[in-house]
Amino acid sequence: MFTPFTLIHNLVVSRKVKKLQPPAPGQHGRQVDPGVPVHRRPLAYVGLVPVLWLLFMIVSGLTQNP
């Protein structure tokens, strides 16, 4: 019910954001260290566990003899 309004609002806001000037380096004080990239963090792969489990269940279900 609210989806069309949300999409229109997001479109308006994204156009406003695109009109902004890019930030100048060092403009907002000290820059924060971004840290380790996401693909190098062990917890980033926890989301693969349900996907791999589902894939295993499908493959084992298809390969079992009736």
C-alpha atoms as a PDB file:
ATOM      1  CA  MET A   1       0.000   0.000   0.000  1.00  0.00           C
ATOM      2  CA  PHE A   2       2.810   2.429   0.858  1.00  0.00           C
ATOM      3  CA  THR A   3       5.288   1.085  -1.716  1.00  0.00           C
ATOM      4  CA  PRO A   4       4.500   3.593  -4.502  1.00  0.00           C
ATOM      5  CA  PHE A   5       4.865   6.497  -2.077  1.00  0.00           C
ATOM      6  CA  THR A   6       8.136   5.135  -0.761  1.00  0.00           C
ATOM      7  CA  LEU A   7       9.519   4.680  -4.269  1.00  0.00           C
ATOM      8  CA  ILE A   8       8.557   8.232  -5.253  1.00  0.00           C
ATOM      9  CA  HIS A   9      10.082   9.610  -2.049  1.00  0.00           C
ATOM     10  CA  ASN A  10      13.312   7.680  -2.651  1.00  0.00           C
ATOM     11  CA  LEU A  11      13.469   8.981  -6.221  1.00  0.00           C
ATOM     12  CA  VAL A  12      13.073  12.599  -5.067  1.00  0.00           C
ATOM     13  CA  VAL A  13      15.671  12.224  -2.322  1.00  0.00           C
ATOM     14  CA  SER A  14      18.177  10.474  -4.599  1.00  0.00           C
ATOM     15  CA  ARG A  15      17.933  13.327  -7.101  1.00  0.00           C
ATOM     16  CA  LYS A  16      18.629  15.820  -4.305  1.00  0.00           C
ATOM     17  CA  VAL A  17      21.646  13.811  -3.168  1.00  0.00           C
ATOM     18  CA  LYS A  18      23.035  13.620  -6.717  1.00  0.00           C
ATOM     19  CA  LYS A  19      22.953  17.424  -6.943  1.00  0.00           C
ATOM     20  CA  LEU A  20      25.283  17.791  -3.956  1.00  0.00           C
ATOM     21  CA  GLN A  21      28.923  18.595  -4.511  1.00  0.00           C
ATOM     22  CA  PRO A  22      31.413  15.858  -3.688  1.00  0.00           C
ATOM     23  CA  PRO A  23      33.102  16.355  -0.319  1.00  0.00           C
ATOM     24  CA  ALA A  24      36.574  17.865  -0.306  1.00  0.00           C
ATOM     25  CA  PRO A  25      39.275  15.668   1.234  1.00  0.00           C
ATOM     26  CA  GLY A  26      39.819  16.448   4.897  1.00  0.00           C
ATOM     27  CA  GLN A  27      36.854  18.785   4.996  1.00  0.00           C
ATOM     28  CA  HIS A  28      35.117  17.065   7.893  1.00  0.00           C
ATOM     29  CA  GLY A  29      38.029  16.693  10.233  1.00  0.00           C
ATOM     30  CA  ARG A  30      39.957  13.531  10.866  1.00  0.00           C
ATOM     31  CA  GLN A  31      39.063  10.643   8.569  1.00  0.00           C
ATOM     32  CA  VAL A  32      38.080   7.315  10.128  1.00  0.00           C
ATOM     33  CA  ASP A  33      40.036   4.177   9.252  1.00  0.00           C
ATOM     34  CA  PRO A  34      37.710   1.909   7.224  1.00  0.00           C
ATOM     35  CA  GLY A  35      39.210  -1.232   8.755  1.00  0.00           C
ATOM     36  CA  VAL A  36      39.479  -4.669   7.218  1.00  0.00           C
ATOM     37  CA  PRO A  37      37.563  -5.220   3.947  1.00  0.00           C
ATOM     38  CA  VAL A  38      34.299  -7.115   4.414  1.00  0.00           C
ATOM     39  CA  HIS A  39      35.373 -10.155   2.385  1.00  0.00           C
ATOM     40  CA  ARG A  40      38.315 -10.655   4.752  1.00  0.00           C
ATOM     41  CA  ARG A  41      36.164 -10.712   7.891  1.00  0.00           C
ATOM     42  CA  PRO A  42      35.183 -14.204   9.096  1.00  0.00           C
ATOM     43  CA  LEU A  43      31.631 -13.210  10.086  1.00  0.00           C
ATOM     44  CA  ALA A  44      30.917 -12.063   6.526  1.00  0.00           C
ATOM     45  CA  TYR A  45      30.659 -15.714   5.485  1.00  0.00           C
ATOM     46  CA  VAL A  46      28.124 -16.720   8.152  1.00  0.00           C
ATOM     47  CA  GLY A  47      25.340 -15.818   5.710  1.00  0.00           C
ATOM     48  CA  LEU A  48      26.561 -18.582   3.402  1.00  0.00           C
ATOM     49  CA  VAL A  49      25.736 -21.309   5.935  1.00  0.00           C
ATOM     50  CA  PRO A  50      21.950 -21.402   5.258  1.00  0.00           C
ATOM     51  CA  VAL A  51      22.534 -21.199   1.507  1.00  0.00           C
ATOM     52  CA  LEU A  52      25.014 -24.072   1.568  1.00  0.00           C
ATOM     53  CA  TRP A  53      22.697 -26.108   3.801  1.00  0.00           C
ATOM     54  CA  LEU A  54      19.790 -25.567   1.396  1.00  0.00           C
ATOM     55  CA  LEU A  55      21.973 -26.498  -1.566  1.00  0.00           C
ATOM     56  CA  PHE A  56      23.094 -29.653   0.239  1.00  0.00           C
ATOM     57  CA  MET A  57      19.492 -30.620   0.999  1.00  0.00           C
ATOM     58  CA  ILE A  58      18.433 -30.132  -2.616  1.00  0.00           C
ATOM     59  CA  VAL A  59      21.367 -32.088  -4.025  1.00  0.00           C
ATOM     60  CA  SER A  60      20.975 -34.929  -1.514  1.00  0.00           C
ATOM     61  CA  GLY A  61      17.223 -35.074  -2.212  1.00  0.00           C
ATOM     62  CA  LEU A  62      17.790 -35.282  -5.945  1.00  0.00           C
ATOM     63  CA  THR A  63      20.495 -37.948  -5.726  1.00  0.00           C
ATOM     64  CA  GLN A  64      18.710 -40.353  -3.359  1.00  0.00           C
ATOM     65  CA  ASN A  65      17.304 -43.506  -4.941  1.00  0.00           C
ATOM     66  CA  PRO A  66      13.538 -43.892  -4.329  1.00  0.00           C
END
